[in-house]
Protein backbone atom coordinates (compact mmCIF):
# COMPACT_ATOMS: atom_id res chain seq x y z
CA MET A 1 13.57 -0.25 3.41
CA ILE A 2 13.07 -0.35 -0.34
CA VAL A 3 11.63 -3.16 -2.47
CA ILE A 4 12.92 -4.04 -5.95
CA GLU A 5 10.93 -6.49 -8.05
CA PHE A 6 12.14 -8.77 -10.86
CA LYS A 7 10.35 -11.31 -13.01
CA LEU A 8 11.69 -14.86 -12.69
CA LYS A 9 12.47 -16.50 -16.01
CA GLY A 10 12.85 -20.28 -15.86
CA LYS A 11 11.47 -23.58 -17.13
CA ALA A 12 7.98 -25.00 -16.58
CA GLN A 13 9.36 -27.64 -14.21
CA GLN A 14 10.98 -24.93 -12.08
CA TYR A 15 7.69 -23.07 -11.82
CA ARG A 16 6.00 -26.24 -10.57
CA VAL A 17 8.69 -26.49 -7.88
CA ILE A 18 7.92 -22.92 -6.81
CA ASP A 19 4.26 -23.91 -6.47
CA GLU A 20 5.36 -26.70 -4.11
CA MET A 21 7.42 -24.20 -2.11
CA ILE A 22 4.38 -21.93 -1.77
CA ARG A 23 2.17 -24.83 -0.65
CA ALA A 24 4.77 -25.82 1.97
CA ALA A 25 4.86 -22.24 3.28
CA GLN A 26 1.06 -22.21 3.48
CA PHE A 27 1.11 -25.53 5.36
CA VAL A 28 3.59 -24.16 7.92
CA ARG A 29 1.54 -21.02 8.43
CA ASN A 30 -1.73 -22.93 8.92
CA LYS A 31 -0.10 -25.55 11.15
CA THR A 32 1.33 -22.79 13.36
CA LEU A 33 -2.08 -21.17 13.66
CA LYS A 34 -3.69 -24.52 14.50
CA TYR A 35 -1.18 -25.08 17.32
CA TRP A 36 -2.03 -21.65 18.77
CA ILE A 37 -5.79 -22.39 18.62
CA GLU A 38 -5.41 -25.79 20.30
CA ASN A 39 -3.00 -24.50 22.98
CA GLN A 40 -4.59 -21.34 24.28
CA GLY A 41 -2.23 -19.37 26.49
CA CYS A 42 0.97 -20.52 24.80
CA LYS A 43 3.63 -17.90 24.19
CA LEU A 44 4.26 -16.63 20.70
CA VAL A 45 7.90 -17.70 21.03
CA ASP A 46 6.72 -21.31 21.27
CA LEU A 47 5.20 -21.01 17.81
CA TYR A 48 8.65 -20.55 16.28
CA LYS A 49 9.72 -23.82 17.88
CA GLN A 50 7.00 -25.64 15.95
CA CYS A 51 8.90 -24.94 12.72
CA ALA A 52 11.66 -27.39 13.67
CA ILE A 53 9.11 -29.95 14.86
CA MET A 54 7.21 -29.76 11.57
CA ALA A 55 10.45 -30.19 9.60
CA LYS A 56 11.07 -33.53 11.33
CA GLU A 57 7.47 -34.69 11.15
CA PHE A 58 6.65 -33.78 7.54
CA GLU A 59 9.03 -34.33 4.66
CA TRP A 60 7.76 -31.47 2.45
CA ALA A 61 8.05 -29.01 5.35
CA GLY A 62 11.64 -30.14 5.94
CA LYS A 63 12.54 -29.32 2.34
CA LEU A 64 11.72 -25.67 2.92
CA ASN A 65 14.57 -23.53 4.22
CA SER A 66 14.57 -23.06 8.01
CA MET A 67 14.32 -19.26 7.78
CA ALA A 68 11.55 -19.59 5.19
CA ARG A 69 9.62 -21.73 7.69
CA GLN A 70 10.15 -19.07 10.34
CA ALA A 71 8.92 -16.37 7.95
CA SER A 72 5.77 -18.45 7.27
CA ALA A 73 5.17 -18.90 11.00
CA GLN A 74 5.74 -15.18 11.43
CA ARG A 75 2.76 -14.48 9.18
CA ALA A 76 0.51 -16.36 11.60
CA ILE A 77 2.10 -14.59 14.58
CA PHE A 78 1.50 -11.17 13.02
CA ALA A 79 -2.17 -12.10 12.46
CA ILE A 80 -2.47 -13.17 16.11
CA GLN A 81 -0.81 -9.97 17.35
CA ARG A 82 -3.10 -7.83 15.19
CA PHE A 83 -6.13 -9.66 16.61
CA PHE A 84 -4.98 -9.02 20.20
CA ALA A 85 -4.26 -5.35 19.39
CA ASN A 86 -7.77 -4.87 17.97
CA CYS A 87 -9.28 -6.50 21.04
CA LYS A 88 -7.23 -4.34 23.39
CA ALA A 89 -8.17 -1.18 21.50
CA LYS A 90 -11.84 -2.28 21.56
CA LYS A 91 -12.16 -1.84 17.82
CA PRO A 92 -15.83 -1.81 16.78
CA GLY A 93 -17.08 -4.67 14.66
CA LYS A 94 -15.04 -7.74 13.82
CA LYS A 95 -11.66 -7.99 15.52
CA GLY A 96 -10.00 -10.01 12.74
CA PHE A 97 -9.61 -13.44 14.29
CA PRO A 98 -6.82 -15.27 12.38
CA LEU A 99 -8.12 -17.64 9.72
CA PHE A 100 -6.55 -20.50 7.79
CA LYS A 101 -5.27 -19.64 4.33
CA LYS A 102 -6.32 -21.63 1.29
CA HIS A 103 -4.94 -19.66 -1.67
CA THR A 104 -1.47 -18.44 -0.65
CA ARG A 105 0.51 -16.93 -3.52
CA SER A 106 3.94 -16.25 -2.01
CA VAL A 107 6.80 -17.62 0.06
CA GLU A 108 9.44 -15.59 1.87
CA TYR A 109 13.13 -16.28 2.36
CA LYS A 110 15.31 -14.33 4.75
CA THR A 111 19.11 -14.34 4.46
CA THR A 112 19.68 -18.01 3.65
CA GLY A 113 18.35 -20.56 1.16
CA TRP A 114 19.18 -18.49 -1.91
CA ALA A 115 22.20 -17.04 -3.73
CA LEU A 116 22.84 -14.38 -6.36
CA SER A 117 25.19 -14.91 -9.28
CA ALA A 118 28.38 -12.85 -9.62
CA ASP A 119 26.73 -10.43 -12.05
CA LYS A 120 23.57 -10.32 -9.89
CA ARG A 121 21.41 -11.25 -12.86
CA CYS A 122 20.42 -14.73 -11.70
CA LEU A 123 18.84 -16.08 -8.51
CA THR A 124 19.39 -19.66 -7.29
CA PHE A 125 17.36 -21.41 -4.57
CA LYS A 126 19.45 -23.83 -2.51
CA ASP A 127 17.02 -25.45 -0.08
CA GLY A 128 15.58 -28.96 -0.26
CA PHE A 129 13.19 -28.14 -3.09
CA ALA A 130 16.14 -27.27 -5.38
CA ALA A 131 14.19 -25.02 -7.71
CA GLY A 132 17.42 -24.15 -9.49
CA LYS A 133 18.61 -20.97 -11.21
CA PHE A 134 16.26 -18.25 -12.49
CA LYS A 135 17.12 -15.29 -14.64
CA LEU A 136 16.09 -11.92 -13.17
CA VAL A 137 14.24 -9.76 -15.67
CA GLY A 138 13.79 -6.10 -14.72
CA SER A 139 14.96 -2.55 -15.26
CA ARG A 140 16.56 -2.06 -11.84
CA ASP A 141 20.11 -3.03 -10.91
CA LEU A 142 21.20 -4.85 -7.72
CA HIS A 143 24.86 -3.85 -8.15
CA TYR A 144 24.25 -0.74 -6.06
CA TYR A 145 23.52 -2.81 -2.95
CA ALA A 146 25.70 -5.16 -0.91
CA PRO A 147 24.49 -8.76 -0.39
CA ASP A 148 24.17 -8.24 3.37
CA GLU A 149 21.74 -5.34 2.75
CA ILE A 150 19.20 -7.76 1.25
CA LYS A 151 17.13 -8.85 4.26
CA ARG A 152 14.31 -10.77 2.57
CA ILE A 153 13.25 -12.22 -0.75
CA ARG A 154 9.59 -12.81 -1.45
CA VAL A 155 8.65 -15.13 -4.35
CA ILE A 156 5.19 -14.33 -5.71
CA ARG A 157 2.98 -16.23 -8.12
CA GLY A 158 0.98 -13.77 -10.21
CA ALA A 159 -1.48 -14.08 -13.05
CA ASP A 160 1.24 -13.17 -15.55
CA GLY A 161 4.19 -15.10 -14.12
CA TYR A 162 6.47 -15.49 -11.11
CA PHE A 163 8.24 -12.58 -9.45
CA ALA A 164 10.95 -12.06 -6.83
CA GLN A 165 10.82 -9.02 -4.55
CA PHE A 166 14.08 -8.02 -2.85
CA CYS A 167 13.64 -6.17 0.45
CA ILE A 168 16.78 -4.02 0.87
CA ASN A 169 17.72 -2.35 4.14
CA VAL A 170 18.65 1.11 2.86
CA GLU A 171 17.09 4.50 3.48
CA ARG A 172 16.03 6.37 0.38
CA LYS A 173 16.66 10.10 0.38
CA GLU A 174 16.24 12.39 -2.61
CA GLU A 175 17.46 15.95 -3.01
CA SER A 176 14.68 18.48 -3.40
CA VAL A 177 14.38 22.20 -4.07
CA LEU A 178 12.07 24.22 -1.84
CA THR A 179 9.34 25.92 -3.85
CA GLY A 180 7.63 27.88 -1.08
CA GLU A 181 4.26 26.43 -2.06
CA ALA A 182 1.63 25.02 0.32
CA VAL A 183 -1.35 23.08 -0.94
CA GLY A 184 -4.46 21.44 0.47
CA ILE A 185 -5.96 18.47 -1.41
CA ASP A 186 -9.60 17.43 -1.47
CA VAL A 187 -10.15 14.07 -3.19
CA GLY A 188 -13.42 13.33 -4.91
CA LEU A 189 -15.24 11.32 -7.56
CA ASN A 190 -15.98 14.06 -10.08
CA HIS A 191 -12.27 14.98 -10.11
CA PHE A 192 -9.59 12.79 -8.58
CA TYR A 193 -8.54 15.77 -6.48
CA THR A 194 -9.00 19.53 -6.32
CA ASP A 195 -6.33 21.57 -4.54
CA SER A 196 -6.55 24.83 -2.62
CA ASN A 197 -5.51 26.78 -5.73
CA GLY A 198 -8.49 25.48 -7.69
CA ASP A 199 -6.46 23.15 -9.91
CA THR A 200 -8.00 19.75 -10.65
CA VAL A 201 -6.77 16.33 -11.78
CA PRO A 202 -9.28 14.20 -13.74
CA ASN A 203 -10.40 10.89 -12.31
CA PRO A 204 -9.05 8.10 -14.59
CA ARG A 205 -11.72 5.50 -13.64
CA TYR A 206 -9.69 2.52 -14.81
CA LEU A 207 -12.16 -0.08 -13.52
CA ARG A 208 -15.11 1.60 -15.25
CA LYS A 209 -13.22 1.73 -18.55
CA SER A 210 -12.31 -1.96 -18.32
CA ALA A 211 -15.73 -3.13 -17.09
CA LYS A 212 -16.85 -4.41 -20.48
CA ALA A 213 -13.72 -6.50 -21.03
CA LEU A 214 -13.91 -7.83 -17.46
CA ARG A 215 -17.54 -8.90 -17.89
CA ARG A 216 -16.66 -10.68 -21.11
CA ALA A 217 -13.76 -12.50 -19.45
CA GLN A 218 -15.93 -13.45 -16.48
CA LYS A 219 -18.55 -14.96 -18.82
CA ARG A 220 -15.85 -17.11 -20.43
CA VAL A 221 -14.94 -18.47 -16.99
CA SER A 222 -18.58 -19.26 -16.16
CA ARG A 223 -19.10 -21.19 -19.39
CA LYS A 224 -16.13 -23.50 -18.86
CA LYS A 225 -16.41 -26.80 -17.04
CA LYS A 226 -15.04 -26.73 -13.50
CA GLY A 227 -11.69 -28.45 -13.17
CA SER A 228 -10.97 -28.35 -16.90
CA ARG A 229 -7.83 -26.94 -18.48
CA ASN A 230 -9.84 -24.43 -20.51
CA ARG A 231 -11.34 -23.05 -17.30
CA LYS A 232 -7.86 -22.54 -15.85
CA LYS A 233 -6.88 -20.62 -18.98
CA ALA A 234 -10.01 -18.47 -18.73
CA VAL A 235 -9.35 -17.78 -15.03
CA ASN A 236 -5.78 -16.77 -15.86
CA GLU A 237 -7.00 -14.40 -18.57
CA LEU A 238 -9.48 -12.83 -16.13
CA GLY A 239 -6.72 -12.47 -13.54
CA ARG A 240 -4.48 -10.71 -16.05
CA LYS A 241 -7.17 -8.16 -16.84
CA HIS A 242 -7.77 -7.42 -13.14
CA LEU A 243 -4.01 -7.20 -12.63
CA LYS A 244 -3.75 -4.63 -15.43
CA VAL A 245 -6.38 -2.44 -13.76
CA SER A 246 -4.60 -2.74 -10.42
CA ARG A 247 -1.27 -1.76 -11.95
CA GLN A 248 -2.79 1.18 -13.82
CA ARG A 249 -4.34 2.44 -10.59
CA LYS A 250 -1.07 2.06 -8.68
CA ASP A 251 0.96 3.77 -11.40
CA PHE A 252 -1.44 6.72 -11.44
CA ALA A 253 -1.33 7.08 -7.63
CA ILE A 254 2.49 6.99 -7.59
CA LYS A 255 2.97 9.54 -10.37
CA THR A 256 0.29 11.90 -9.05
CA ALA A 257 1.62 11.79 -5.46
CA LEU A 258 5.19 12.37 -6.70
CA CYS A 259 4.08 15.39 -8.73
CA VAL A 260 2.24 16.90 -5.74
CA VAL A 261 5.16 16.44 -3.33
CA LYS A 262 7.83 17.75 -5.72
CA SER A 263 5.82 20.87 -6.58
CA SER A 264 4.94 21.80 -2.97
CA ASP A 265 6.75 22.09 0.34
CA PHE A 266 3.64 21.55 2.45
CA VAL A 267 0.82 19.15 1.59
CA ALA A 268 -2.37 18.68 3.61
CA TYR A 269 -4.92 16.00 2.73
CA GLU A 270 -8.05 14.49 4.29
CA ASP A 271 -7.65 11.50 6.60
CA LEU A 272 -10.64 9.67 5.15
CA GLN A 273 -12.05 6.46 6.61
CA VAL A 274 -12.45 4.73 3.25
CA LYS A 275 -13.41 1.44 4.90
CA ASN A 276 -16.55 3.09 6.27
CA MET A 277 -17.28 5.07 3.11
CA ILE A 278 -17.50 2.00 0.88
CA LYS A 279 -20.43 0.75 2.96
CA ASN A 280 -22.54 3.01 0.75
CA ARG A 281 -23.41 0.48 -1.95
CA LYS A 282 -24.22 3.20 -4.49
CA LEU A 283 -20.73 4.73 -4.29
CA ALA A 284 -18.62 1.75 -3.19
CA LYS A 285 -17.42 0.80 -6.67
CA SER A 286 -16.44 4.36 -7.61
CA ILE A 287 -14.68 4.96 -4.29
CA SER A 288 -12.71 1.72 -4.58
CA ASP A 289 -11.75 2.56 -8.16
CA ALA A 290 -10.41 5.97 -7.09
CA ALA A 291 -7.91 4.37 -4.64
CA TRP A 292 -7.73 7.33 -2.25
CA SER A 293 -5.96 5.29 0.45
CA GLN A 294 -3.21 4.24 -1.94
CA PHE A 295 -2.73 7.86 -3.00
CA ALA A 296 -2.45 8.95 0.65
CA GLN A 297 0.14 6.25 1.38
CA TRP A 298 2.35 7.43 -1.49
CA LEU A 299 1.97 11.05 -0.37
CA GLU A 300 3.33 10.08 3.05
CA TYR A 301 6.15 8.02 1.50
CA TYR A 302 7.35 10.70 -0.90
CA GLY A 303 7.05 13.31 1.84
CA LYS A 304 9.66 11.40 3.85
CA VAL A 305 11.87 10.74 0.81
CA TYR A 306 11.97 14.38 -0.32
CA GLY A 307 11.91 15.94 3.15
CA LYS A 308 8.56 17.67 2.67
CA ILE A 309 5.76 18.12 5.21
CA VAL A 310 2.69 15.96 4.56
CA VAL A 311 -0.16 16.29 7.07
CA ALA A 312 -3.40 14.33 7.34
CA VAL A 313 -6.26 16.41 8.75
CA PRO A 314 -9.73 15.38 9.99
CA PRO A 315 -12.29 15.62 7.16
CA GLN A 316 -15.16 16.90 9.31
CA TYR A 317 -16.85 20.04 7.93
CA THR A 318 -14.18 20.73 5.31
CA SER A 319 -16.90 20.93 2.65
CA GLN A 320 -19.53 22.64 4.84
CA ASN A 321 -17.50 25.47 6.39
CA CYS A 322 -16.78 28.62 4.42
CA SER A 323 -13.10 29.14 3.68
CA GLY A 324 -13.62 32.91 3.68
CA CYS A 325 -15.43 33.58 6.95
CA GLY A 326 -15.64 30.17 8.64
CA ASN A 327 -19.44 30.06 8.84
CA LEU A 328 -21.28 26.78 8.39
CA VAL A 329 -23.04 26.50 5.02
CA LYS A 330 -24.88 23.17 4.83
CA LYS A 331 -24.84 21.43 1.45
CA THR A 332 -25.97 18.10 0.07
CA LEU A 333 -23.72 15.93 -2.13
CA SER A 334 -25.52 17.18 -5.22
CA THR A 335 -24.70 20.83 -4.41
CA ARG A 336 -21.42 21.46 -6.25
CA THR A 337 -21.09 25.22 -5.67
CA HIS A 338 -20.31 26.86 -2.32
CA ILE A 339 -22.20 30.14 -1.86
CA CYS A 340 -21.81 32.05 1.43
CA GLY A 341 -23.40 35.25 2.72
CA CYS A 342 -19.95 36.81 3.04
CA GLY A 343 -19.70 36.89 -0.76
CA THR A 344 -17.55 33.78 -1.22
CA VAL A 345 -18.58 31.79 -4.30
CA LEU A 346 -16.37 28.79 -5.06
CA ASP A 347 -16.56 25.29 -6.38
CA ARG A 348 -17.41 22.94 -3.52
CA ASP A 349 -14.11 21.01 -3.78
CA HIS A 350 -12.05 24.20 -4.13
CA ASN A 351 -13.59 25.52 -0.91
CA ALA A 352 -12.81 22.19 0.80
CA GLY A 353 -9.20 22.32 -0.41
CA ARG A 354 -8.72 25.75 1.17
CA ASN A 355 -10.22 24.53 4.46
CA ILE A 356 -7.94 21.47 4.40
CA LEU A 357 -4.88 23.68 3.89
CA ALA A 358 -5.91 25.93 6.79
CA LYS A 359 -6.39 22.91 9.07
CA GLY A 360 -3.08 21.39 7.98
CA LEU A 361 -1.05 24.56 8.60
CA LYS A 362 -2.63 24.98 12.01
CA GLN A 363 -2.04 21.33 12.91
CA ALA A 364 1.59 21.39 11.73
CA ALA A 365 2.30 24.56 13.68
CA ILE A 366 1.04 22.91 16.87
CA ASN A 367 2.94 19.67 16.28
CA LEU A 368 6.21 21.48 15.56
CA ASN A 369 5.78 23.87 18.53
CA THR A 370 5.90 26.90 16.24
CA VAL A 371 5.14 30.10 18.13
CA GLY A 372 2.29 32.09 16.57
CA HIS A 373 1.23 31.99 12.93
CA THR A 374 -1.66 29.62 13.48
CA GLU A 375 -3.94 31.04 10.78
CA ILE A 376 -3.64 30.41 7.07
CA ASN A 377 -3.35 34.13 6.24
CA ALA A 378 -0.48 34.53 8.72
CA PHE A 379 1.76 32.10 6.84
CA GLY A 380 4.07 33.75 4.37
CA GLN A 381 6.72 32.16 2.16
CA SER A 382 9.49 32.72 4.73
CA ASP A 383 7.34 31.13 7.45
CA LEU A 384 6.82 28.08 5.24
CA TYR A 385 10.58 27.73 4.77
CA LEU A 386 11.01 27.77 8.57
CA LEU A 387 8.26 25.16 8.97
CA VAL A 388 9.88 22.81 6.44
CA ALA A 389 13.32 23.32 8.00
CA ALA A 390 11.95 22.57 11.48
CA SER A 391 10.28 19.38 10.22
CA THR A 392 13.44 18.24 8.43
CA SER A 393 15.66 18.81 11.47
CA LYS A 394 13.16 16.99 13.70
CA SER A 395 13.05 13.95 11.39
CA THR A 396 16.85 13.66 11.31
CA ASP A 397 17.31 13.86 15.08
């Protein structure tokens, strides 16, 4: 599946109709969840049947396309299933009981209720709301894909306009050239990451750089009277600034992950529990600004697209163990240099990157049933080619 996004260009009246569509989708989702709460023990299939009942009972729900109502009910069903899965797995802490939504920003259509123009530059909604025709503004082209490959359309209301995301049922595969390089990546706050070769990428710190402008925008919101038009304008301006930071962070994660995957055949990174790490209130803001989880997700994605091996390894003792002899050398967070009795003197993150690479190669060899070569020094360039080839053949079977 790939997602292509376009900005919807229309009139102010059409945008107000989209807002009504989003409110109807939110109503269906909340009504479905309410039925599940009041009828404990009902099957999830029965929740889909409530969509047709709501369409007859409420006029605004009936205006929404039938498949759009099902997609809205599906959101509640996914939340219920996730709650049951967390309970079954005995997840510590809160299990994520489904809650009612108050500020929904999107509505989903499946294969009906919309139509593309002949040149695939305009999108028309054909359900009871009759939002009309919108021009699609974007750099991508839908001509490469057949209409039946488009499985869903999500309409999103953002701080800077309305967008349509097309979910297309195609598998993306890119040709790649094997480089024979293997790399271990240790993410951090001083540098965004340090690899096993000692190379570093600076941490951009987009939120820190925009903090002054965000504080100023937040003050403007606080000074405006609640419910006034000026307050809505100030809230929109604040939302745009936060959206810019989010997009900068995402763009950096995508480009950095793509560079790492294209330049290496084997990538090992730490499987960090960021949710637990941000409980440290002194580091939470910096950790969130670094977006390590987003970077890891794009590493995994590009690994599949380019046919490279990307392995997540446990982070325990990667900074404490010596990459030269394996002995434990305890260090505090303020200690930035690794010094071992065996004579190994490295930057703390460089030492961790080498340990991550060793763990990743060992883990990949076990997962792929490779005979021998379980140590980092035993892997040569030819062995790495065999490892990549084995992974590629396994993924295509």
